[in-house]
């Protein structure tokens, strides 16, 4: 079996905050999303690249945790036992 998922990163920015939503698309991609936020220190000069990188990293990390939680739920439904997944 061959499956392919694509990670989509969408950004919203204002003067001191960048928000990123990470979602999956593709055949049978689970419907989970990750959210990441980066806030600029008021003493720092604005740099959209740094904010996007940090928000994207946090969104992808959150997405990974959401996928693990979804997998754990699937295991528990099938086995009727608590899943012990490590991240």
Protein backbone atom coordinates (compact mmCIF):
# COMPACT_ATOMS: atom_id res chain seq x y z
CA UNK A 1 0.00 0.00 0.00
CA UNK A 2 1.24 3.48 -0.87
CA UNK A 3 -0.05 6.55 0.88
CA UNK A 4 1.03 10.18 0.64
CA UNK A 5 0.17 13.04 2.98
CA UNK A 6 1.08 16.68 2.52
CA UNK A 7 1.66 19.04 5.43
CA UNK A 8 0.11 22.45 4.79
CA UNK A 9 1.38 25.39 6.83
CA UNK A 10 -0.78 28.52 6.90
CA UNK A 11 0.39 31.71 8.58
CA UNK A 12 -1.33 34.75 10.03
CA UNK A 13 0.76 37.66 11.24
CA UNK A 14 0.28 40.94 13.02
CA UNK A 15 2.82 43.36 14.46
CA UNK A 16 4.01 41.16 17.34
CA UNK A 17 2.63 37.69 16.72
CA UNK A 18 2.80 34.97 14.08
CA UNK A 19 0.33 32.10 14.17
CA UNK A 20 0.74 28.93 12.13
CA UNK A 21 -1.77 26.16 11.51
CA UNK A 22 -0.35 22.83 10.33
CA UNK A 23 -2.79 20.45 8.66
CA UNK A 24 -2.58 17.29 6.61
CA UNK A 25 -4.08 16.67 3.20
CA UNK A 26 -4.06 13.60 1.02
CA UNK A 27 -5.84 10.29 0.67
CA UNK A 28 -6.93 9.05 4.12
CA UNK A 29 -5.09 11.85 5.94
CA UNK A 30 -6.48 12.10 9.45
CA UNK A 31 -8.39 15.25 10.28
CA UNK A 32 -6.01 16.70 12.83
CA UNK A 33 -4.38 20.10 13.02
CA UNK A 34 -1.54 21.64 14.94
CA UNK A 35 -1.29 25.21 16.12
CA UNK A 36 1.86 27.21 16.84
CA UNK A 37 2.35 30.79 17.93
CA UNK A 38 5.45 32.96 18.07
CA UNK A 39 5.44 36.30 19.88
CA UNK A 40 8.00 38.99 19.24
CA UNK A 41 9.72 40.56 22.21
CA UNK A 42 8.90 44.29 22.06
CA UNK A 43 12.64 45.07 22.28
CA UNK A 44 13.42 43.02 19.13
CA UNK A 45 13.26 44.36 15.61
CA UNK A 46 10.52 42.77 13.47
CA UNK A 47 11.70 39.73 11.50
CA UNK A 48 8.90 37.78 9.82
CA UNK A 49 11.22 34.89 8.93
CA UNK A 50 12.09 34.10 12.54
CA UNK A 51 8.46 34.33 13.62
CA UNK A 52 7.33 32.02 10.83
CA UNK A 53 10.06 29.47 11.56
CA UNK A 54 9.26 29.35 15.27
CA UNK A 55 5.48 29.27 14.76
CA UNK A 56 5.85 26.53 12.10
CA UNK A 57 8.07 24.43 14.38
CA UNK A 58 5.55 24.73 17.20
CA UNK A 59 2.62 23.93 14.88
CA UNK A 60 4.39 20.82 13.52
CA UNK A 61 5.24 19.67 17.05
CA UNK A 62 1.62 20.14 18.08
CA UNK A 63 0.48 18.27 14.95
CA UNK A 64 2.78 15.37 15.85
CA UNK A 65 1.27 15.17 19.34
CA UNK A 66 -2.24 15.25 17.88
CA UNK A 67 -1.34 12.35 15.55
CA UNK A 68 0.04 10.33 18.45
CA UNK A 69 -3.11 10.97 20.47
CA UNK A 70 -5.26 9.89 17.51
CA UNK A 71 -3.20 6.71 17.09
CA UNK A 72 -3.45 5.96 20.82
CA UNK A 73 -7.21 6.34 20.69
CA UNK A 74 -7.36 3.95 17.72
CA UNK A 75 -5.29 1.38 19.61
CA UNK A 76 -7.42 1.70 22.73
CA UNK A 77 -10.66 1.28 20.77
CA UNK A 78 -9.36 -1.96 19.23
CA UNK A 79 -7.63 -3.47 22.27
CA UNK A 80 -9.81 -2.07 25.09
CA UNK A 81 -6.57 -1.34 26.95
CA UNK A 82 -4.64 1.84 27.60
CA UNK A 83 -2.09 2.57 24.88
CA UNK A 84 1.44 3.39 26.03
CA UNK A 85 2.92 5.48 23.23
CA UNK A 86 6.06 7.53 23.77
CA UNK A 87 6.85 10.70 21.94
